[in-house]
Amino acid sequence: MVVGAAIFFKTVLVLALANLSSRILLGEVQRLFAYARYFREIAHAKIAHAKRKTWFAFGACAAATTLFFAHAKL
C-alpha cells in the first residue's frame, strides 16, 4: 500500500514536471516566433523605406534631366 502510494505520487510529480517543462518550452517557442515577427516587420519597414528613397532619387533625377534639356532648348 505504501509502495503503491509512493509510485503514484512519483508518477504525478513526473507528469506535473513534464507538463511544466512543456509549457516553458512552448513559451520559449512562442517568444522566438514573436522575435521573428518583430524582425520581419523591421525588415519590411527598411525595405519600404529604401523603395521610397529609390523612387525619390529617380524622380529627382528625372526632374533634373527635364530641367537640363528644357534649359538647353532655351
PDB file of N, CA and C in Angstrom:
ATOM      1  N   MET A   1       0.825  -1.197   0.000  1.00  0.00           N
ATOM      2  CA  MET A   1       0.000   0.000   0.000  1.00  0.00           C
ATOM      3  C   MET A   1       0.869   1.261   0.000  1.00  0.00           C
ATOM      4  N   VAL A   2       1.874   1.303   0.859  1.00  0.00           N
ATOM      5  CA  VAL A   2       2.759   2.464   0.920  1.00  0.00           C
ATOM      6  C   VAL A   2       3.576   2.572  -0.361  1.00  0.00           C
ATOM      7  N   VAL A   3       4.020   1.421  -0.882  1.00  0.00           N
ATOM      8  CA  VAL A   3       4.802   1.428  -2.120  1.00  0.00           C
ATOM      9  C   VAL A   3       3.932   1.918  -3.279  1.00  0.00           C
ATOM     10  N   GLY A   4       2.698   1.483  -3.312  1.00  0.00           N
ATOM     11  CA  GLY A   4       1.786   1.923  -4.364  1.00  0.00           C
ATOM     12  C   GLY A   4       1.537   3.416  -4.299  1.00  0.00           C
ATOM     13  N   ALA A   5       1.378   3.961  -3.098  1.00  0.00           N
ATOM     14  CA  ALA A   5       1.166   5.400  -2.930  1.00  0.00           C
ATOM     15  C   ALA A   5       2.406   6.175  -3.356  1.00  0.00           C
ATOM     16  N   ALA A   6       3.575   5.650  -3.018  1.00  0.00           N
ATOM     17  CA  ALA A   6       4.831   6.319  -3.398  1.00  0.00           C
ATOM     18  C   ALA A   6       4.982   6.344  -4.917  1.00  0.00           C
ATOM     19  N   ILE A   7       4.665   5.232  -5.565  1.00  0.00           N
ATOM     20  CA  ILE A   7       4.752   5.174  -7.025  1.00  0.00           C
ATOM     21  C   ILE A   7       3.747   6.139  -7.646  1.00  0.00           C
ATOM     22  N   PHE A   8       2.530   6.200  -7.085  1.00  0.00           N
ATOM     23  CA  PHE A   8       1.510   7.109  -7.586  1.00  0.00           C
ATOM     24  C   PHE A   8       1.977   8.558  -7.479  1.00  0.00           C
ATOM     25  N   PHE A   9       2.494   8.953  -6.323  1.00  0.00           N
ATOM     26  CA  PHE A   9       2.941  10.338  -6.143  1.00  0.00           C
ATOM     27  C   PHE A   9       4.145  10.659  -7.007  1.00  0.00           C
ATOM     28  N   LYS A  10       5.032   9.695  -7.200  1.00  0.00           N
ATOM     29  CA  LYS A  10       6.162   9.921  -8.101  1.00  0.00           C
ATOM     30  C   LYS A  10       5.670  10.135  -9.530  1.00  0.00           C
ATOM     31  N   THR A  11       4.689   9.327  -9.932  1.00  0.00           N
ATOM     32  CA  THR A  11       4.134   9.455 -11.288  1.00  0.00           C
ATOM     33  C   THR A  11       3.466  10.819 -11.458  1.00  0.00           C
ATOM     34  N   VAL A  12       2.695  11.224 -10.450  1.00  0.00           N
ATOM     35  CA  VAL A  12       2.042  12.532 -10.520  1.00  0.00           C
ATOM     36  C   VAL A  12       3.082  13.648 -10.574  1.00  0.00           C
ATOM     37  N   LEU A  13       4.145  13.527  -9.784  1.00  0.00           N
ATOM     38  CA  LEU A  13       5.203  14.537  -9.784  1.00  0.00           C
ATOM     39  C   LEU A  13       5.901  14.595 -11.137  1.00  0.00           C
ATOM     40  N   VAL A  14       6.212  13.451 -11.719  1.00  0.00           N
ATOM     41  CA  VAL A  14       6.871  13.414 -13.032  1.00  0.00           C
ATOM     42  C   VAL A  14       5.964  14.025 -14.099  1.00  0.00           C
ATOM     43  N   LEU A  15       4.670  13.681 -14.057  1.00  0.00           N
ATOM     44  CA  LEU A  15       3.747  14.248 -15.037  1.00  0.00           C
ATOM     45  C   LEU A  15       3.605  15.757 -14.862  1.00  0.00           C
ATOM     46  N   ALA A  16       3.577  16.226 -13.622  1.00  0.00           N
ATOM     47  CA  ALA A  16       3.482  17.667 -13.377  1.00  0.00           C
ATOM     48  C   ALA A  16       4.729  18.386 -13.890  1.00  0.00           C
ATOM     49  N   LEU A  17       5.891  17.818 -13.639  1.00  0.00           N
ATOM     50  CA  LEU A  17       7.133  18.426 -14.131  1.00  0.00           C
ATOM     51  C   LEU A  17       7.190  18.401 -15.656  1.00  0.00           C
ATOM     52  N   ALA A  18       6.724  17.311 -16.252  1.00  0.00           N
ATOM     53  CA  ALA A  18       6.706  17.237 -17.719  1.00  0.00           C
ATOM     54  C   ALA A  18       5.758  18.292 -18.292  1.00  0.00           C
ATOM     55  N   ASN A  19       4.618  18.476 -17.658  1.00  0.00           N
ATOM     56  CA  ASN A  19       3.664  19.484 -18.111  1.00  0.00           C
ATOM     57  C   ASN A  19       4.263  20.875 -17.974  1.00  0.00           C
ATOM     58  N   LEU A  20       4.930  21.124 -16.849  1.00  0.00           N
ATOM     59  CA  LEU A  20       5.554  22.430 -16.626  1.00  0.00           C
ATOM     60  C   LEU A  20       6.660  22.680 -17.646  1.00  0.00           C
ATOM     61  N   SER A  21       7.496  21.670 -17.884  1.00  0.00           N
ATOM     62  CA  SER A  21       8.587  21.872 -18.848  1.00  0.00           C
ATOM     63  C   SER A  21       8.050  22.067 -20.258  1.00  0.00           C
ATOM     64  N   SER A  22       6.965  21.367 -20.614  1.00  0.00           N
ATOM     65  CA  SER A  22       6.407  21.564 -21.956  1.00  0.00           C
ATOM     66  C   SER A  22       5.802  22.962 -22.078  1.00  0.00           C
ATOM     67  N   ARG A  23       5.207  23.464 -20.991  1.00  0.00           N
ATOM     68  CA  ARG A  23       4.677  24.834 -21.040  1.00  0.00           C
ATOM     69  C   ARG A  23       5.810  25.850 -21.159  1.00  0.00           C
ATOM     70  N   ILE A  24       6.894  25.619 -20.439  1.00  0.00           N
ATOM     71  CA  ILE A  24       8.051  26.511 -20.538  1.00  0.00           C
ATOM     72  C   ILE A  24       8.613  26.473 -21.953  1.00  0.00           C
ATOM     73  N   LEU A  25       8.741  25.273 -22.505  1.00  0.00           N
ATOM     74  CA  LEU A  25       9.248  25.123 -23.872  1.00  0.00           C
ATOM     75  C   LEU A  25       8.316  25.797 -24.870  1.00  0.00           C
ATOM     76  N   LEU A  26       7.010  25.628 -24.685  1.00  0.00           N
ATOM     77  CA  LEU A  26       6.048  26.274 -25.569  1.00  0.00           C
ATOM     78  C   LEU A  26       6.167  27.797 -25.470  1.00  0.00           C
ATOM     79  N   GLY A  27       6.360  28.302 -24.263  1.00  0.00           N
ATOM     80  CA  GLY A  27       6.549  29.738 -24.082  1.00  0.00           C
ATOM     81  C   GLY A  27       7.796  30.236 -24.791  1.00  0.00           C
ATOM     82  N   GLU A  28       8.872  29.461 -24.730  1.00  0.00           N
ATOM     83  CA  GLU A  28      10.104  29.852 -25.420  1.00  0.00           C
ATOM     84  C   GLU A  28       9.905  29.850 -26.929  1.00  0.00           C
ATOM     85  N   VAL A  29       9.204  28.859 -27.440  1.00  0.00           N
ATOM     86  CA  VAL A  29       8.947  28.801 -28.886  1.00  0.00           C
ATOM     87  C   VAL A  29       8.088  29.989 -29.308  1.00  0.00           C
ATOM     88  N   GLN A  30       7.065  30.306 -28.500  1.00  0.00           N
ATOM     89  CA  GLN A  30       6.225  31.458 -28.830  1.00  0.00           C
ATOM     90  C   GLN A  30       7.027  32.747 -28.791  1.00  0.00           C
ATOM     91  N   ARG A  31       7.955  32.851 -27.847  1.00  0.00           N
ATOM     92  CA  ARG A  31       8.782  34.054 -27.778  1.00  0.00           C
ATOM     93  C   ARG A  31       9.697  34.146 -29.001  1.00  0.00           C
ATOM     94  N   LEU A  32      10.236  33.019 -29.441  1.00  0.00           N
ATOM     95  CA  LEU A  32      11.076  33.028 -30.646  1.00  0.00           C
ATOM     96  C   LEU A  32      10.277  33.473 -31.867  1.00  0.00           C
ATOM     97  N   PHE A  33       9.040  32.990 -31.979  1.00  0.00           N
ATOM     98  CA  PHE A  33       8.197  33.421 -33.092  1.00  0.00           C
ATOM     99  C   PHE A  33       7.868  34.905 -32.994  1.00  0.00           C
ATOM    100  N   ALA A  34       7.694  35.405 -31.773  1.00  0.00           N
ATOM    101  CA  ALA A  34       7.437  36.842 -31.606  1.00  0.00           C
ATOM    102  C   ALA A  34       8.646  37.649 -32.059  1.00  0.00           C
ATOM    103  N   TYR A  35       9.851  37.180 -31.697  1.00  0.00           N
ATOM    104  CA  TYR A  35      11.064  37.864 -32.165  1.00  0.00           C
ATOM    105  C   TYR A  35      11.142  37.826 -33.690  1.00  0.00           C
ATOM    106  N   ALA A  36      10.814  36.680 -34.272  1.00  0.00           N
ATOM    107  CA  ALA A  36      10.863  36.561 -35.736  1.00  0.00           C
ATOM    108  C   ALA A  36       9.892  37.536 -36.394  1.00  0.00           C
ATOM    109  N   ARG A  37       8.668  37.658 -35.838  1.00  0.00           N
ATOM    110  CA  ARG A  37       7.707  38.614 -36.395  1.00  0.00           C
ATOM    111  C   ARG A  37       8.225  40.038 -36.257  1.00  0.00           C
ATOM    112  N   TYR A  38       8.833  40.335 -35.109  1.00  0.00           N
ATOM    113  CA  TYR A  38       9.369  41.682 -34.877  1.00  0.00           C
ATOM    114  C   TYR A  38      10.451  42.026 -35.892  1.00  0.00           C
ATOM    115  N   PHE A  39      11.395  41.112 -36.092  1.00  0.00           N
ATOM    116  CA  PHE A  39      12.481  41.381 -37.039  1.00  0.00           C
ATOM    117  C   PHE A  39      11.972  41.410 -38.473  1.00  0.00           C
ATOM    118  N   ARG A  40      10.936  40.615 -38.789  1.00  0.00           N
ATOM    119  CA  ARG A  40      10.355  40.655 -40.132  1.00  0.00           C
ATOM    120  C   ARG A  40       9.713  42.016 -40.384  1.00  0.00           C
ATOM    121  N   GLU A  41       9.012  42.549 -39.372  1.00  0.00           N
ATOM    122  CA  GLU A  41       8.402  43.874 -39.527  1.00  0.00           C
ATOM    123  C   GLU A  41       9.464  44.950 -39.716  1.00  0.00           C
ATOM    124  N   ILE A  42      10.569  44.845 -38.987  1.00  0.00           N
ATOM    125  CA  ILE A  42      11.660  45.808 -39.156  1.00  0.00           C
ATOM    126  C   ILE A  42      12.230  45.709 -40.565  1.00  0.00           C
ATOM    127  N   ALA A  43      12.435  44.478 -41.031  1.00  0.00           N
ATOM    128  CA  ALA A  43      12.988  44.298 -42.378  1.00  0.00           C
ATOM    129  C   ALA A  43      12.047  44.865 -43.437  1.00  0.00           C
ATOM    130  N   HIS A  44      10.747  44.627 -43.278  1.00  0.00           N
ATOM    131  CA  HIS A  44       9.800  45.165 -44.261  1.00  0.00           C
ATOM    132  C   HIS A  44       9.786  46.685 -44.230  1.00  0.00           C
ATOM    133  N   ALA A  45       9.893  47.263 -43.038  1.00  0.00           N
ATOM    134  CA  ALA A  45       9.921  48.726 -42.947  1.00  0.00           C
ATOM    135  C   ALA A  45      11.174  49.286 -43.617  1.00  0.00           C
ATOM    136  N   LYS A  46      12.312  48.618 -43.419  1.00  0.00           N
ATOM    137  CA  LYS A  46      13.547  49.089 -44.043  1.00  0.00           C
ATOM    138  C   LYS A  46      13.472  48.967 -45.563  1.00  0.00           C
ATOM    139  N   ILE A  47      12.878  47.883 -46.043  1.00  0.00           N
ATOM    140  CA  ILE A  47      12.737  47.706 -47.491  1.00  0.00           C
ATOM    141  C   ILE A  47      11.818  48.774 -48.071  1.00  0.00           C
ATOM    142  N   ALA A  48      10.703  49.034 -47.380  1.00  0.00           N
ATOM    143  CA  ALA A  48       9.773  50.062 -47.861  1.00  0.00           C
ATOM    144  C   ALA A  48      10.446  51.436 -47.862  1.00  0.00           C
ATOM    145  N   HIS A  49      11.240  51.714 -46.835  1.00  0.00           N
ATOM    146  CA  HIS A  49      11.951  52.995 -46.786  1.00  0.00           C
ATOM    147  C   HIS A  49      12.948  53.097 -47.939  1.00  0.00           C
ATOM    148  N   ALA A  50      13.668  52.010 -48.205  1.00  0.00           N
ATOM    149  CA  ALA A  50      14.632  52.018 -49.314  1.00  0.00           C
ATOM    150  C   ALA A  50      13.926  52.215 -50.654  1.00  0.00           C
ATOM    151  N   LYS A  51      12.735  51.620 -50.797  1.00  0.00           N
ATOM    152  CA  LYS A  51      11.984  51.809 -52.051  1.00  0.00           C
ATOM    153  C   LYS A  51      11.566  53.269 -52.205  1.00  0.00           C
ATOM    154  N   ARG A  52      11.105  53.877 -51.103  1.00  0.00           N
ATOM    155  CA  ARG A  52      10.714  55.287 -51.187  1.00  0.00           C
ATOM    156  C   ARG A  52      11.912  56.162 -51.542  1.00  0.00           C
ATOM    157  N   LYS A  53      13.065  55.877 -50.928  1.00  0.00           N
ATOM    158  CA  LYS A  53      14.258  56.664 -51.249  1.00  0.00           C
ATOM    159  C   LYS A  53      14.655  56.475 -52.703  1.00  0.00           C
ATOM    160  N   THR A  54      14.530  55.260 -53.209  1.00  0.00           N
ATOM    161  CA  THR A  54      14.882  54.986 -54.599  1.00  0.00           C
ATOM    162  C   THR A  54      13.965  55.753 -55.546  1.00  0.00           C
ATOM    163  N   TRP A  55      12.650  55.713 -55.280  1.00  0.00           N
ATOM    164  CA  TRP A  55      11.721  56.435 -56.145  1.00  0.00           C
ATOM    165  C   TRP A  55      11.926  57.934 -56.046  1.00  0.00           C
ATOM    166  N   PHE A  56      12.268  58.417 -54.851  1.00  0.00           N
ATOM    167  CA  PHE A  56      12.542  59.844 -54.709  1.00  0.00           C
ATOM    168  C   PHE A  56      13.769  60.229 -55.527  1.00  0.00           C
ATOM    169  N   ALA A  57      14.818  59.406 -55.456  1.00  0.00           N
ATOM    170  CA  ALA A  57      16.034  59.691 -56.234  1.00  0.00           C
ATOM    171  C   ALA A  57      15.745  59.615 -57.730  1.00  0.00           C
ATOM    172  N   PHE A  58      14.954  58.635 -58.139  1.00  0.00           N
ATOM    173  CA  PHE A  58      14.591  58.518 -59.551  1.00  0.00           C
ATOM    174  C   PHE A  58      13.815  59.752 -60.018  1.00  0.00           C
ATOM    175  N   GLY A  59      12.869  60.195 -59.184  1.00  0.00           N
ATOM    176  CA  GLY A  59      12.088  61.391 -59.523  1.00  0.00           C
ATOM    177  C   GLY A  59      12.948  62.629 -59.586  1.00  0.00           C
ATOM    178  N   ALA A  60      13.889  62.759 -58.655  1.00  0.00           N
ATOM    179  CA  ALA A  60      14.788  63.918 -58.663  1.00  0.00           C
ATOM    180  C   ALA A  60      15.676  63.903 -59.901  1.00  0.00           C
ATOM    181  N   CYS A  61      16.136  62.711 -60.272  1.00  0.00           N
ATOM    182  CA  CYS A  61      16.980  62.593 -61.473  1.00  0.00           C
ATOM    183  C   CYS A  61      16.174  62.937 -62.727  1.00  0.00           C
ATOM    184  N   ALA A  62      14.936  62.459 -62.796  1.00  0.00           N
ATOM    185  CA  ALA A  62      14.088  62.769 -63.953  1.00  0.00           C
ATOM    186  C   ALA A  62      13.794  64.258 -64.012  1.00  0.00           C
ATOM    187  N   ALA A  63      13.535  64.875 -62.880  1.00  0.00           N
ATOM    188  CA  ALA A  63      13.267  66.322 -62.871  1.00  0.00           C
ATOM    189  C   ALA A  63      14.498  67.104 -63.293  1.00  0.00           C
ATOM    190  N   ALA A  64      15.675  66.685 -62.797  1.00  0.00           N
ATOM    191  CA  ALA A  64      16.907  67.385 -63.163  1.00  0.00           C
ATOM    192  C   ALA A  64      17.182  67.230 -64.657  1.00  0.00           C
ATOM    193  N   THR A  65      16.940  66.044 -65.193  1.00  0.00           N
ATOM    194  CA  THR A  65      17.156  65.819 -66.621  1.00  0.00           C
ATOM    195  C   THR A  65      16.195  66.668 -67.449  1.00  0.00           C
ATOM    196  N   THR A  66      14.936  66.703 -67.015  1.00  0.00           N
ATOM    197  CA  THR A  66      13.940  67.515 -67.728  1.00  0.00           C
ATOM    198  C   THR A  66      14.323  68.989 -67.710  1.00  0.00           C
ATOM    199  N   LEU A  67      14.721  69.480 -66.549  1.00  0.00           N
ATOM    200  CA  LEU A  67      15.126  70.881 -66.443  1.00  0.00           C
ATOM    201  C   LEU A  67      16.365  71.168 -67.284  1.00  0.00           C
ATOM    202  N   PHE A  68      17.292  70.211 -67.317  1.00  0.00           N
ATOM    203  CA  PHE A  68      18.513  70.396 -68.110  1.00  0.00           C
ATOM    204  C   PHE A  68      18.173  70.544 -69.588  1.00  0.00           C
ATOM    205  N   PHE A  69      17.351  69.621 -70.089  1.00  0.00           N
ATOM    206  CA  PHE A  69      17.007  69.688 -71.509  1.00  0.00           C
ATOM    207  C   PHE A  69      16.103  70.872 -71.822  1.00  0.00           C
ATOM    208  N   ALA A  70      15.223  71.238 -70.895  1.00  0.00           N
ATOM    209  CA  ALA A  70      14.378  72.424 -71.117  1.00  0.00           C
ATOM    210  C   ALA A  70      15.251  73.666 -71.157  1.00  0.00           C
ATOM    211  N   HIS A  71      16.257  73.739 -70.319  1.00  0.00           N
ATOM    212  CA  HIS A  71      17.158  74.885 -70.312  1.00  0.00           C
ATOM    213  C   HIS A  71      18.027  74.896 -71.574  1.00  0.00           C
ATOM    214  N   ALA A  72      18.413  73.691 -72.041  1.00  0.00           N
ATOM    215  CA  ALA A  72      19.249  73.598 -73.240  1.00  0.00           C
ATOM    216  C   ALA A  72      18.481  74.079 -74.477  1.00  0.00           C
ATOM    217  N   LYS A  73      17.165  73.858 -74.507  1.00  0.00           N
ATOM    218  CA  LYS A  73      16.372  74.271 -75.659  1.00  0.00           C
ATOM    219  C   LYS A  73      16.156  75.780 -75.673  1.00  0.00           C
ATOM    220  N   LEU A  74      16.267  76.409 -74.516  1.00  0.00           N
ATOM    221  CA  LEU A  74      16.086  77.862 -74.484  1.00  0.00           C
ATOM    222  C   LEU A  74      17.267  78.471 -75.171  1.00  0.00           C
TER     223      LEU A  74
END
